[in-house]
């Protein structure tokens, strides 16, 4: 990667379909000259926590390649990752990788790697997921794409198109994300299904931009179907029992960004349910779901559908 600038900040995220099930991870790396690089990968059978950790490991490995003295901030929405790498790992090591209850530490292999790669110059910072934070939202999209078996185009922005101050403030709204070109070469860095966007505008024709559902392994398709059924059951229970859920919870249920929920209006249709905005409590918007087949057809004629 022929970039002379230092790394300024990194965002990481992981995703898993089924948990356990097919998973994906991603990291977006911002440099001090305004350039950026995205890396990501997948695993056939894993958990969300392991994907969060794998994303951080990949970020730390990339940081180590540059060997620069300046501090780097890694942003993640995983409290499990931050607590583990900054607090819990010290106690686990003293206890021979046992928990306070004397049980083996889960994901010990990845914790050992994280502990080895971590450095005093690394600052770990927690950010809210689905809150419109550019780096976090982009990582989420990449990780979900890998988890679904559809590797995305990994993007890069050349320094000539950005100013050194263009590395985004972590509170920048997601609506301000640039529409980057997808004509970037994706290089297979290893045999572990990881990818790195390069500094060239050429297209690697051998790298698929997407994989149809029919091309996925049967076990992956079955896992996706099971996950969908669980989502539909959860939505039906929410509707039947009259639960109110927040925008972020609804976004998680629908597997979309929170902005996609709040931008759709007061009332709309999603699959078998009518979604209605009920009220605001503090900084949260509450929504309710109602079975569309339980509503009078005459009352449902104007509902927007997904």
C-alpha atoms as a PDB file:
ATOM      1  CA  UNK A   1       0.000   0.000   0.000  1.00  0.00           C
ATOM      2  CA  UNK A   2       2.063   2.969  -1.241  1.00  0.00           C
ATOM      3  CA  UNK A   3       0.831   5.591   1.214  1.00  0.00           C
ATOM      4  CA  UNK A   4       3.362   7.669   3.132  1.00  0.00           C
ATOM      5  CA  UNK A   5       0.859   9.235   5.537  1.00  0.00           C
ATOM      6  CA  UNK A   6       0.194   7.963   9.037  1.00  0.00           C
ATOM      7  CA  UNK A   7      -3.003   6.275  10.116  1.00  0.00           C
ATOM      8  CA  UNK A   8      -5.266   8.743  11.889  1.00  0.00           C
ATOM      9  CA  UNK A   9      -8.222   6.628  12.976  1.00  0.00           C
ATOM     10  CA  UNK A  10      -9.867   3.273  12.352  1.00  0.00           C
ATOM     11  CA  UNK A  11     -13.443   1.996  12.556  1.00  0.00           C
ATOM     12  CA  UNK A  12     -14.180  -1.712  12.935  1.00  0.00           C
ATOM     13  CA  UNK A  13     -17.305  -3.851  13.030  1.00  0.00           C
ATOM     14  CA  UNK A  14     -18.471  -7.441  12.802  1.00  0.00           C
ATOM     15  CA  UNK A  15     -21.702  -9.134  11.760  1.00  0.00           C
ATOM     16  CA  UNK A  16     -23.117 -12.632  11.902  1.00  0.00           C
ATOM     17  CA  UNK A  17     -26.149 -14.262  10.310  1.00  0.00           C
ATOM     18  CA  UNK A  18     -27.663 -16.589  12.876  1.00  0.00           C
ATOM     19  CA  UNK A  19     -25.032 -16.073  15.613  1.00  0.00           C
ATOM     20  CA  UNK A  20     -23.562 -18.632  15.284  1.00  0.00           C
ATOM     21  CA  UNK A  21     -23.630 -18.732  11.523  1.00  0.00           C
ATOM     22  CA  UNK A  22     -21.966 -17.114   8.498  1.00  0.00           C
ATOM     23  CA  UNK A  23     -20.146 -13.955   9.536  1.00  0.00           C
ATOM     24  CA  UNK A  24     -18.302 -10.954   8.193  1.00  0.00           C
ATOM     25  CA  UNK A  25     -15.940  -8.308   9.512  1.00  0.00           C
ATOM     26  CA  UNK A  26     -14.712  -4.938   8.294  1.00  0.00           C
ATOM     27  CA  UNK A  27     -12.374  -2.064   9.070  1.00  0.00           C
ATOM     28  CA  UNK A  28     -12.211   1.405   7.538  1.00  0.00           C
ATOM     29  CA  UNK A  29      -8.814   3.080   7.905  1.00  0.00           C
ATOM     30  CA  UNK A  30      -8.431   6.871   7.642  1.00  0.00           C
ATOM     31  CA  UNK A  31      -5.007   8.398   6.926  1.00  0.00           C
ATOM     32  CA  UNK A  32      -3.715  11.847   7.845  1.00  0.00           C
ATOM     33  CA  UNK A  33      -3.457  12.852   4.170  1.00  0.00           C
ATOM     34  CA  UNK A  34      -7.187  12.289   3.680  1.00  0.00           C
ATOM     35  CA  UNK A  35      -6.949   8.895   1.971  1.00  0.00           C
ATOM     36  CA  UNK A  36      -8.851   5.878   3.221  1.00  0.00           C
ATOM     37  CA  UNK A  37      -8.758   2.122   2.825  1.00  0.00           C
ATOM     38  CA  UNK A  38     -11.303  -0.570   3.582  1.00  0.00           C
ATOM     39  CA  UNK A  39     -10.594  -4.169   4.494  1.00  0.00           C
ATOM     40  CA  UNK A  40     -12.986  -6.999   5.221  1.00  0.00           C
ATOM     41  CA  UNK A  41     -13.497 -10.720   5.219  1.00  0.00           C
ATOM     42  CA  UNK A  42     -15.804 -13.573   6.115  1.00  0.00           C
ATOM     43  CA  UNK A  43     -16.094 -16.866   7.973  1.00  0.00           C
ATOM     44  CA  UNK A  44     -18.456 -19.740   7.186  1.00  0.00           C
ATOM     45  CA  UNK A  45     -19.365 -20.552  10.801  1.00  0.00           C
ATOM     46  CA  UNK A  46     -18.660 -18.041  13.542  1.00  0.00           C
ATOM     47  CA  UNK A  47     -20.209 -15.624  16.049  1.00  0.00           C
ATOM     48  CA  UNK A  48     -20.755 -11.890  16.111  1.00  0.00           C
ATOM     49  CA  UNK A  49     -18.186 -11.432  18.894  1.00  0.00           C
ATOM     50  CA  UNK A  50     -15.501 -13.304  16.958  1.00  0.00           C
ATOM     51  CA  UNK A  51     -16.138 -11.140  13.912  1.00  0.00           C
ATOM     52  CA  UNK A  52     -15.846  -7.983  16.040  1.00  0.00           C
ATOM     53  CA  UNK A  53     -12.521  -9.290  17.317  1.00  0.00           C
ATOM     54  CA  UNK A  54     -11.290 -10.327  13.874  1.00  0.00           C
ATOM     55  CA  UNK A  55     -11.971  -6.816  12.563  1.00  0.00           C
ATOM     56  CA  UNK A  56      -9.892  -5.334  15.382  1.00  0.00           C
ATOM     57  CA  UNK A  57      -7.076  -7.834  14.770  1.00  0.00           C
ATOM     58  CA  UNK A  58      -6.941  -6.893  11.084  1.00  0.00           C
ATOM     59  CA  UNK A  59      -6.839  -3.205  12.024  1.00  0.00           C
ATOM     60  CA  UNK A  60      -4.015  -3.753  14.520  1.00  0.00           C
ATOM     61  CA  UNK A  61      -2.041  -5.774  11.970  1.00  0.00           C
ATOM     62  CA  UNK A  62      -2.360  -2.954   9.453  1.00  0.00           C
ATOM     63  CA  UNK A  63      -1.313  -0.387  12.051  1.00  0.00           C
ATOM     64  CA  UNK A  64       1.725  -2.533  12.900  1.00  0.00           C
ATOM     65  CA  UNK A  65       2.768  -2.564   9.231  1.00  0.00           C
ATOM     66  CA  UNK A  66       3.196   1.204   9.311  1.00  0.00           C
ATOM     67  CA  UNK A  67       5.160   1.257  12.584  1.00  0.00           C
ATOM     68  CA  UNK A  68       4.469   4.959  13.054  1.00  0.00           C
ATOM     69  CA  UNK A  69       4.804   6.638  16.455  1.00  0.00           C
ATOM     70  CA  UNK A  70       1.602   8.680  16.392  1.00  0.00           C
ATOM     71  CA  UNK A  71      -1.441   7.610  18.375  1.00  0.00           C
ATOM     72  CA  UNK A  72      -4.288   5.849  16.586  1.00  0.00           C
ATOM     73  CA  UNK A  73      -7.902   5.640  17.741  1.00  0.00           C
ATOM     74  CA  UNK A  74      -9.881   2.483  17.014  1.00  0.00           C
ATOM     75  CA  UNK A  75     -13.646   3.028  17.108  1.00  0.00           C
ATOM     76  CA  UNK A  76     -15.994   0.100  17.708  1.00  0.00           C
ATOM     77  CA  UNK A  77     -19.593  -0.374  18.828  1.00  0.00           C
ATOM     78  CA  UNK A  78     -18.664  -3.588  20.668  1.00  0.00           C
ATOM     79  CA  UNK A  79     -18.424  -3.124  24.432  1.00  0.00           C
ATOM     80  CA  UNK A  80     -17.375  -6.778  24.627  1.00  0.00           C
ATOM     81  CA  UNK A  81     -14.308  -6.003  22.522  1.00  0.00           C
ATOM     82  CA  UNK A  82     -13.338  -2.805  24.343  1.00  0.00           C
ATOM     83  CA  UNK A  83     -13.826  -4.232  27.837  1.00  0.00           C
ATOM     84  CA  UNK A  84     -11.977  -7.391  26.911  1.00  0.00           C
ATOM     85  CA  UNK A  85      -8.924  -5.769  25.362  1.00  0.00           C
ATOM     86  CA  UNK A  86      -8.585  -2.924  27.898  1.00  0.00           C
ATOM     87  CA  UNK A  87      -9.742  -4.561  31.157  1.00  0.00           C
ATOM     88  CA  UNK A  88     -10.600  -8.247  31.259  1.00  0.00           C
ATOM     89  CA  UNK A  89      -7.589  -9.658  29.412  1.00  0.00           C
ATOM     90  CA  UNK A  90      -5.197  -8.707  32.234  1.00  0.00           C
ATOM     91  CA  UNK A  91      -7.152 -10.739  34.776  1.00  0.00           C
ATOM     92  CA  UNK A  92      -7.632 -13.651  32.392  1.00  0.00           C
ATOM     93  CA  UNK A  93      -3.889 -13.918  31.821  1.00  0.00           C
ATOM     94  CA  UNK A  94      -3.164 -13.889  35.557  1.00  0.00           C
ATOM     95  CA  UNK A  95      -5.693 -16.685  36.066  1.00  0.00           C
ATOM     96  CA  UNK A  96      -4.270 -18.805  33.237  1.00  0.00           C
ATOM     97  CA  UNK A  97      -7.024 -17.786  30.823  1.00  0.00           C
ATOM     98  CA  UNK A  98      -9.796 -18.623  33.245  1.00  0.00           C
ATOM     99  CA  UNK A  99     -12.784 -16.487  34.186  1.00  0.00           C
ATOM    100  CA  UNK A 100     -13.587 -15.448  37.750  1.00  0.00           C
ATOM    101  CA  UNK A 101     -15.769 -18.566  37.899  1.00  0.00           C
ATOM    102  CA  UNK A 102     -12.832 -20.751  36.860  1.00  0.00           C
ATOM    103  CA  UNK A 103     -14.222 -21.472  33.399  1.00  0.00           C
ATOM    104  CA  UNK A 104     -12.148 -21.278  30.188  1.00  0.00           C
ATOM    105  CA  UNK A 105     -12.265 -17.872  28.518  1.00  0.00           C
ATOM    106  CA  UNK A 106     -14.310 -17.901  25.333  1.00  0.00           C
ATOM    107  CA  UNK A 107     -12.442 -16.924  22.165  1.00  0.00           C
ATOM    108  CA  UNK A 108      -9.076 -17.283  23.916  1.00  0.00           C
ATOM    109  CA  UNK A 109      -7.246 -17.659  20.599  1.00  0.00           C
ATOM    110  CA  UNK A 110      -8.410 -14.260  19.390  1.00  0.00           C
ATOM    111  CA  UNK A 111      -7.908 -12.578  22.767  1.00  0.00           C
ATOM    112  CA  UNK A 112      -4.292 -13.746  22.807  1.00  0.00           C
ATOM    113  CA  UNK A 113      -3.753 -12.303  19.333  1.00  0.00           C
ATOM    114  CA  UNK A 114      -5.397  -9.011  20.275  1.00  0.00           C
ATOM    115  CA  UNK A 115      -3.313  -8.760  23.429  1.00  0.00           C
ATOM    116  CA  UNK A 116      -0.119  -9.389  21.474  1.00  0.00           C
ATOM    117  CA  UNK A 117      -0.929  -6.778  18.818  1.00  0.00           C
ATOM    118  CA  UNK A 118      -2.311  -4.114  21.157  1.00  0.00           C
ATOM    119  CA  UNK A 119      -0.010  -1.171  21.886  1.00  0.00           C
ATOM    120  CA  UNK A 120       0.007   1.781  24.324  1.00  0.00           C
ATOM    121  CA  UNK A 121      -0.364   4.155  21.360  1.00  0.00           C
ATOM    122  CA  UNK A 122      -3.767   2.609  20.546  1.00  0.00           C
ATOM    123  CA  UNK A 123      -6.809   4.353  22.001  1.00  0.00           C
ATOM    124  CA  UNK A 124      -9.973   2.258  22.096  1.00  0.00           C
ATOM    125  CA  UNK A 125     -13.170   4.287  21.796  1.00  0.00           C
ATOM    126  CA  UNK A 126     -16.758   3.038  21.975  1.00  0.00           C
ATOM    127  CA  UNK A 127     -19.347   4.465  19.568  1.00  0.00           C
ATOM    128  CA  UNK A 128     -23.062   3.783  19.318  1.00  0.00           C
ATOM    129  CA  UNK A 129     -24.117   1.478  16.532  1.00  0.00           C
ATOM    130  CA  UNK A 130     -26.773   2.584  14.010  1.00  0.00           C
ATOM    131  CA  UNK A 131     -26.297   6.206  15.081  1.00  0.00           C
ATOM    132  CA  UNK A 132     -25.322   7.701  11.725  1.00  0.00           C
ATOM    133  CA  UNK A 133     -21.563   7.640  12.368  1.00  0.00           C
ATOM    134  CA  UNK A 134     -19.880   7.410   8.968  1.00  0.00           C
ATOM    135  CA  UNK A 135     -17.072   4.975   9.753  1.00  0.00           C
ATOM    136  CA  UNK A 136     -19.290   2.721  11.863  1.00  0.00           C
ATOM    137  CA  UNK A 137     -22.113   2.665   9.324  1.00  0.00           C
ATOM    138  CA  UNK A 138     -19.737   1.834   6.472  1.00  0.00           C
ATOM    139  CA  UNK A 139     -18.097  -0.971   8.466  1.00  0.00           C
ATOM    140  CA  UNK A 140     -21.526  -2.342   9.317  1.00  0.00           C
ATOM    141  CA  UNK A 141     -22.498  -2.394   5.637  1.00  0.00           C
ATOM    142  CA  UNK A 142     -19.269  -4.156   4.610  1.00  0.00           C
ATOM    143  CA  UNK A 143     -19.464  -6.727   7.416  1.00  0.00           C
ATOM    144  CA  UNK A 144     -23.113  -7.520   6.668  1.00  0.00           C
ATOM    145  CA  UNK A 145     -22.341  -7.922   2.973  1.00  0.00           C
ATOM    146  CA  UNK A 146     -19.571 -10.423   3.700  1.00  0.00           C
ATOM    147  CA  UNK A 147     -21.805 -12.257   6.190  1.00  0.00           C
ATOM    148  CA  UNK A 148     -24.514 -12.617   3.545  1.00  0.00           C
ATOM    149  CA  UNK A 149     -22.043 -14.106   1.065  1.00  0.00           C
ATOM    150  CA  UNK A 150     -21.966 -11.041  -1.191  1.00  0.00           C
ATOM    151  CA  UNK A 151     -18.471  -9.483  -0.929  1.00  0.00           C
ATOM    152  CA  UNK A 152     -18.782  -5.741  -1.611  1.00  0.00           C
ATOM    153  CA  UNK A 153     -16.508  -3.472  -3.590  1.00  0.00           C
ATOM    154  CA  UNK A 154     -14.013  -2.191  -1.044  1.00  0.00           C
ATOM    155  CA  UNK A 155     -13.446   1.493  -1.559  1.00  0.00           C
ATOM    156  CA  UNK A 156     -10.503   3.830  -1.418  1.00  0.00           C
ATOM    157  CA  UNK A 157     -10.277   7.573  -1.744  1.00  0.00           C
ATOM    158  CA  UNK A 158      -7.039   8.988  -3.107  1.00  0.00           C
ATOM    159  CA  UNK A 159      -5.283  11.779  -1.266  1.00  0.00           C
ATOM    160  CA  UNK A 160      -5.594  14.020  -4.337  1.00  0.00           C
ATOM    161  CA  UNK A 161      -9.363  14.069  -3.836  1.00  0.00           C
ATOM    162  CA  UNK A 162      -9.280  14.881  -0.131  1.00  0.00           C
ATOM    163  CA  UNK A 163      -7.736  17.245   2.335  1.00  0.00           C
ATOM    164  CA  UNK A 164      -5.859  15.939   5.388  1.00  0.00           C
ATOM    165  CA  UNK A 165      -8.731  17.152   7.556  1.00  0.00           C
ATOM    166  CA  UNK A 166     -11.278  15.054   5.690  1.00  0.00           C
ATOM    167  CA  UNK A 167     -11.043  12.093   8.065  1.00  0.00           C
ATOM    168  CA  UNK A 168     -14.581  12.401   9.433  1.00  0.00           C
ATOM    169  CA  UNK A 169     -15.605  13.564  12.841  1.00  0.00           C
ATOM    170  CA  UNK A 170     -17.234  10.527  14.422  1.00  0.00           C
ATOM    171  CA  UNK A 171     -20.490  12.467  14.848  1.00  0.00           C
ATOM    172  CA  UNK A 172     -20.847  13.301  11.140  1.00  0.00           C
ATOM    173  CA  UNK A 173     -24.318  12.233   9.876  1.00  0.00           C
ATOM    174  CA  UNK A 174     -24.394   9.207   7.625  1.00  0.00           C
ATOM    175  CA  UNK A 175     -26.250  11.231   4.993  1.00  0.00           C
ATOM    176  CA  UNK A 176     -22.988  13.063   4.285  1.00  0.00           C
ATOM    177  CA  UNK A 177     -21.122   9.926   3.174  1.00  0.00           C
ATOM    178  CA  UNK A 178     -19.590  10.474  -0.259  1.00  0.00           C
ATOM    179  CA  UNK A 179     -20.640   8.317  -3.191  1.00  0.00           C
ATOM    180  CA  UNK A 180     -17.245   6.771  -3.879  1.00  0.00           C
ATOM    181  CA  UNK A 181     -16.386   5.037  -7.117  1.00  0.00           C
ATOM    182  CA  UNK A 182     -16.463   1.251  -6.946  1.00  0.00           C
ATOM    183  CA  UNK A 183     -13.848   0.808  -9.681  1.00  0.00           C
ATOM    184  CA  UNK A 184     -11.125  -0.247  -7.267  1.00  0.00           C
ATOM    185  CA  UNK A 185      -8.910  -3.285  -7.414  1.00  0.00           C
ATOM    186  CA  UNK A 186      -9.634  -5.750  -4.610  1.00  0.00           C
ATOM    187  CA  UNK A 187      -6.585  -7.769  -3.638  1.00  0.00           C
ATOM    188  CA  UNK A 188      -6.825 -11.092  -1.849  1.00  0.00           C
ATOM    189  CA  UNK A 189      -4.337 -10.604   0.991  1.00  0.00           C
ATOM    190  CA  UNK A 190      -4.381 -14.206   2.209  1.00  0.00           C
ATOM    191  CA  UNK A 191      -6.332 -17.428   2.119  1.00  0.00           C
ATOM    192  CA  UNK A 192      -8.619 -16.295   4.931  1.00  0.00           C
ATOM    193  CA  UNK A 193     -11.259 -14.577   2.785  1.00  0.00           C
ATOM    194  CA  UNK A 194      -9.916 -11.079   3.536  1.00  0.00           C
ATOM    195  CA  UNK A 195      -9.707  -8.232   1.037  1.00  0.00           C
ATOM    196  CA  UNK A 196      -7.874  -4.912   0.822  1.00  0.00           C
ATOM    197  CA  UNK A 197      -8.605  -2.011  -1.506  1.00  0.00           C
ATOM    198  CA  UNK A 198      -5.460  -0.945  -3.370  1.00  0.00           C
ATOM    199  CA  UNK A 199      -4.139   2.373  -4.645  1.00  0.00           C
ATOM    200  CA  UNK A 200      -5.106   1.788  -8.259  1.00  0.00           C
ATOM    201  CA  UNK A 201      -8.166   2.527 -10.332  1.00  0.00           C
ATOM    202  CA  UNK A 202      -7.917  -0.732 -12.288  1.00  0.00           C
ATOM    203  CA  UNK A 203     -10.601  -3.399 -11.934  1.00  0.00           C
ATOM    204  CA  UNK A 204      -9.754  -6.957 -11.005  1.00  0.00           C
ATOM    205  CA  UNK A 205     -12.153  -8.825 -13.260  1.00  0.00           C
ATOM    206  CA  UNK A 206     -11.514 -12.051 -11.382  1.00  0.00           C
ATOM    207  CA  UNK A 207     -13.035 -10.677  -8.185  1.00  0.00           C
ATOM    208  CA  UNK A 208     -16.821 -11.115  -8.073  1.00  0.00           C
ATOM    209  CA  UNK A 209     -18.803  -8.072  -6.998  1.00  0.00           C
ATOM    210  CA  UNK A 210     -21.630 -10.222  -5.704  1.00  0.00           C
ATOM    211  CA  UNK A 211     -22.752 -13.806  -5.370  1.00  0.00           C
ATOM    212  CA  UNK A 212     -26.298 -14.888  -6.134  1.00  0.00           C
ATOM    213  CA  UNK A 213     -28.199 -16.715  -3.428  1.00  0.00           C
ATOM    214  CA  UNK A 214     -28.206 -19.886  -5.543  1.00  0.00           C
ATOM    215  CA  UNK A 215     -24.388 -19.910  -5.545  1.00  0.00           C
ATOM    216  CA  UNK A 216     -24.146 -19.907  -1.759  1.00  0.00           C
ATOM    217  CA  UNK A 217     -23.508 -23.209   0.041  1.00  0.00           C
ATOM    218  CA  UNK A 218     -26.694 -24.951   1.148  1.00  0.00           C
ATOM    219  CA  UNK A 219     -25.809 -24.618   4.839  1.00  0.00           C
ATOM    220  CA  UNK A 220     -25.417 -20.855   4.410  1.00  0.00           C
ATOM    221  CA  UNK A 221     -28.814 -20.551   2.709  1.00  0.00           C
ATOM    222  CA  UNK A 222     -30.433 -22.650   5.437  1.00  0.00           C
ATOM    223  CA  UNK A 223     -28.824 -20.489   8.142  1.00  0.00           C
ATOM    224  CA  UNK A 224     -30.106 -17.354   6.423  1.00  0.00           C
ATOM    225  CA  UNK A 225     -33.614 -18.813   6.243  1.00  0.00           C
ATOM    226  CA  UNK A 226     -33.545 -19.746   9.926  1.00  0.00           C
ATOM    227  CA  UNK A 227     -32.415 -16.243  10.794  1.00  0.00           C
ATOM    228  CA  UNK A 228     -35.240 -14.782   8.706  1.00  0.00           C
ATOM    229  CA  UNK A 229     -37.820 -16.998  10.407  1.00  0.00           C
ATOM    230  CA  UNK A 230     -36.540 -15.925  13.821  1.00  0.00           C
ATOM    231  CA  UNK A 231     -36.833 -12.288  12.753  1.00  0.00           C
ATOM    232  CA  UNK A 232     -40.410 -12.808  11.554  1.00  0.00           C
ATOM    233  CA  UNK A 233     -41.360 -14.590  14.780  1.00  0.00           C
ATOM    234  CA  UNK A 234     -39.900 -11.745  16.820  1.00  0.00           C
ATOM    235  CA  UNK A 235     -41.805  -9.163  14.784  1.00  0.00           C
ATOM    236  CA  UNK A 236     -45.033 -11.124  15.191  1.00  0.00           C
ATOM    237  CA  UNK A 237     -44.558 -11.346  18.962  1.00  0.00           C
ATOM    238  CA  UNK A 238     -43.868  -7.610  19.160  1.00  0.00           C
ATOM    239  CA  UNK A 239     -47.073  -6.915  17.230  1.00  0.00           C
ATOM    240  CA  UNK A 240     -49.216  -9.448  19.098  1.00  0.00           C
ATOM    241  CA  UNK A 241     -48.174  -8.285  22.570  1.00  0.00           C
ATOM    242  CA  UNK A 242     -48.259  -4.602  21.697  1.00  0.00           C
ATOM    243  CA  UNK A 243     -44.635  -3.909  22.556  1.00  0.00           C
ATOM    244  CA  UNK A 244     -43.170  -0.525  21.634  1.00  0.00           C
ATOM    245  CA  UNK A 245     -39.631  -0.534  20.254  1.00  0.00           C
ATOM    246  CA  UNK A 246     -37.097   2.209  19.545  1.00  0.00           C
ATOM    247  CA  UNK A 247     -35.798   3.235  16.120  1.00  0.00           C
ATOM    248  CA  UNK A 248     -32.487   1.441  16.680  1.00  0.00           C
ATOM    249  CA  UNK A 249     -34.267  -1.733  17.819  1.00  0.00           C
ATOM    250  CA  UNK A 250     -36.554  -1.596  14.793  1.00  0.00           C
ATOM    251  CA  UNK A 251     -33.532  -1.067  12.533  1.00  0.00           C
ATOM    252  CA  UNK A 252     -31.870  -4.142  14.032  1.00  0.00           C
ATOM    253  CA  UNK A 253     -35.056  -6.147  13.496  1.00  0.00           C
ATOM    254  CA  UNK A 254     -35.303  -5.053   9.858  1.00  0.00           C
ATOM    255  CA  UNK A 255     -31.526  -5.344   9.317  1.00  0.00           C
ATOM    256  CA  UNK A 256     -31.236  -1.759   8.058  1.00  0.00           C
ATOM    257  CA  UNK A 257     -29.622   1.464   9.226  1.00  0.00           C
ATOM    258  CA  UNK A 258     -31.543   3.529  11.785  1.00  0.00           C
ATOM    259  CA  UNK A 259     -31.742   6.387   9.281  1.00  0.00           C
ATOM    260  CA  UNK A 260     -33.742   4.119   6.961  1.00  0.00           C
ATOM    261  CA  UNK A 261     -36.366   3.803   9.694  1.00  0.00           C
ATOM    262  CA  UNK A 262     -36.686   7.426  10.754  1.00  0.00           C
ATOM    263  CA  UNK A 263     -36.762   8.739   7.181  1.00  0.00           C
ATOM    264  CA  UNK A 264     -39.805   6.709   6.121  1.00  0.00           C
ATOM    265  CA  UNK A 265     -42.478   8.798   7.787  1.00  0.00           C
ATOM    266  CA  UNK A 266     -45.136   8.289  10.425  1.00  0.00           C
ATOM    267  CA  UNK A 267     -46.658   5.053   9.094  1.00  0.00           C
ATOM    268  CA  UNK A 268     -45.586   2.499   6.506  1.00  0.00           C
ATOM    269  CA  UNK A 269     -45.634  -1.190   5.713  1.00  0.00           C
ATOM    270  CA  UNK A 270     -42.812  -3.664   6.264  1.00  0.00           C
ATOM    271  CA  UNK A 271     -43.449  -7.245   5.130  1.00  0.00           C
ATOM    272  CA  UNK A 272     -46.569  -8.418   7.036  1.00  0.00           C
ATOM    273  CA  UNK A 273     -46.775  -5.461   9.416  1.00  0.00           C
ATOM    274  CA  UNK A 274     -47.866  -1.855   9.504  1.00  0.00           C
ATOM    275  CA  UNK A 275     -45.215   0.182  11.316  1.00  0.00           C
ATOM    276  CA  UNK A 276     -46.460   3.308  13.084  1.00  0.00           C
ATOM    277  CA  UNK A 277     -44.659   6.025  14.974  1.00  0.00           C
ATOM    278  CA  UNK A 278     -46.208   6.327  18.445  1.00  0.00           C
ATOM    279  CA  UNK A 279     -44.318   8.999  20.360  1.00  0.00           C
ATOM    280  CA  UNK A 280     -40.937  10.324  21.372  1.00  0.00           C
ATOM    281  CA  UNK A 281     -39.451   9.595  24.783  1.00  0.00           C
ATOM    282  CA  UNK A 282     -36.352  11.662  25.440  1.00  0.00           C
ATOM    283  CA  UNK A 283     -34.092  11.211  22.419  1.00  0.00           C
ATOM    284  CA  UNK A 284     -35.812   7.994  21.318  1.00  0.00           C
ATOM    285  CA  UNK A 285     -38.708   7.495  18.903  1.00  0.00           C
ATOM    286  CA  UNK A 286     -41.025   4.614  19.806  1.00  0.00           C
ATOM    287  CA  UNK A 287     -42.734   2.488  17.149  1.00  0.00           C
ATOM    288  CA  UNK A 288     -45.443  -0.162  17.151  1.00  0.00           C
ATOM    289  CA  UNK A 289     -46.083  -3.023  14.754  1.00  0.00           C
ATOM    290  CA  UNK A 290     -49.530  -4.262  13.761  1.00  0.00           C
ATOM    291  CA  UNK A 291     -50.356  -7.215  11.557  1.00  0.00           C
ATOM    292  CA  UNK A 292     -51.474  -5.886   8.190  1.00  0.00           C
ATOM    293  CA  UNK A 293     -54.032  -8.689   7.786  1.00  0.00           C
ATOM    294  CA  UNK A 294     -55.678  -7.573  11.035  1.00  0.00           C
ATOM    295  CA  UNK A 295     -56.406  -4.125   9.617  1.00  0.00           C
ATOM    296  CA  UNK A 296     -59.462  -3.223   7.583  1.00  0.00           C
ATOM    297  CA  UNK A 297     -58.372  -3.207   3.913  1.00  0.00           C
ATOM    298  CA  UNK A 298     -60.082   0.159   3.422  1.00  0.00           C
ATOM    299  CA  UNK A 299     -57.903   1.622   6.173  1.00  0.00           C
ATOM    300  CA  UNK A 300     -54.734   0.152   4.692  1.00  0.00           C
ATOM    301  CA  UNK A 301     -54.987   1.354   1.105  1.00  0.00           C
ATOM    302  CA  UNK A 302     -52.615   4.284   1.527  1.00  0.00           C
ATOM    303  CA  UNK A 303     -49.821   2.531   3.422  1.00  0.00           C
ATOM    304  CA  UNK A 304     -46.465   2.609   1.688  1.00  0.00           C
ATOM    305  CA  UNK A 305     -44.926  -0.815   1.216  1.00  0.00           C
ATOM    306  CA  UNK A 306     -41.326  -1.865   1.244  1.00  0.00           C
END
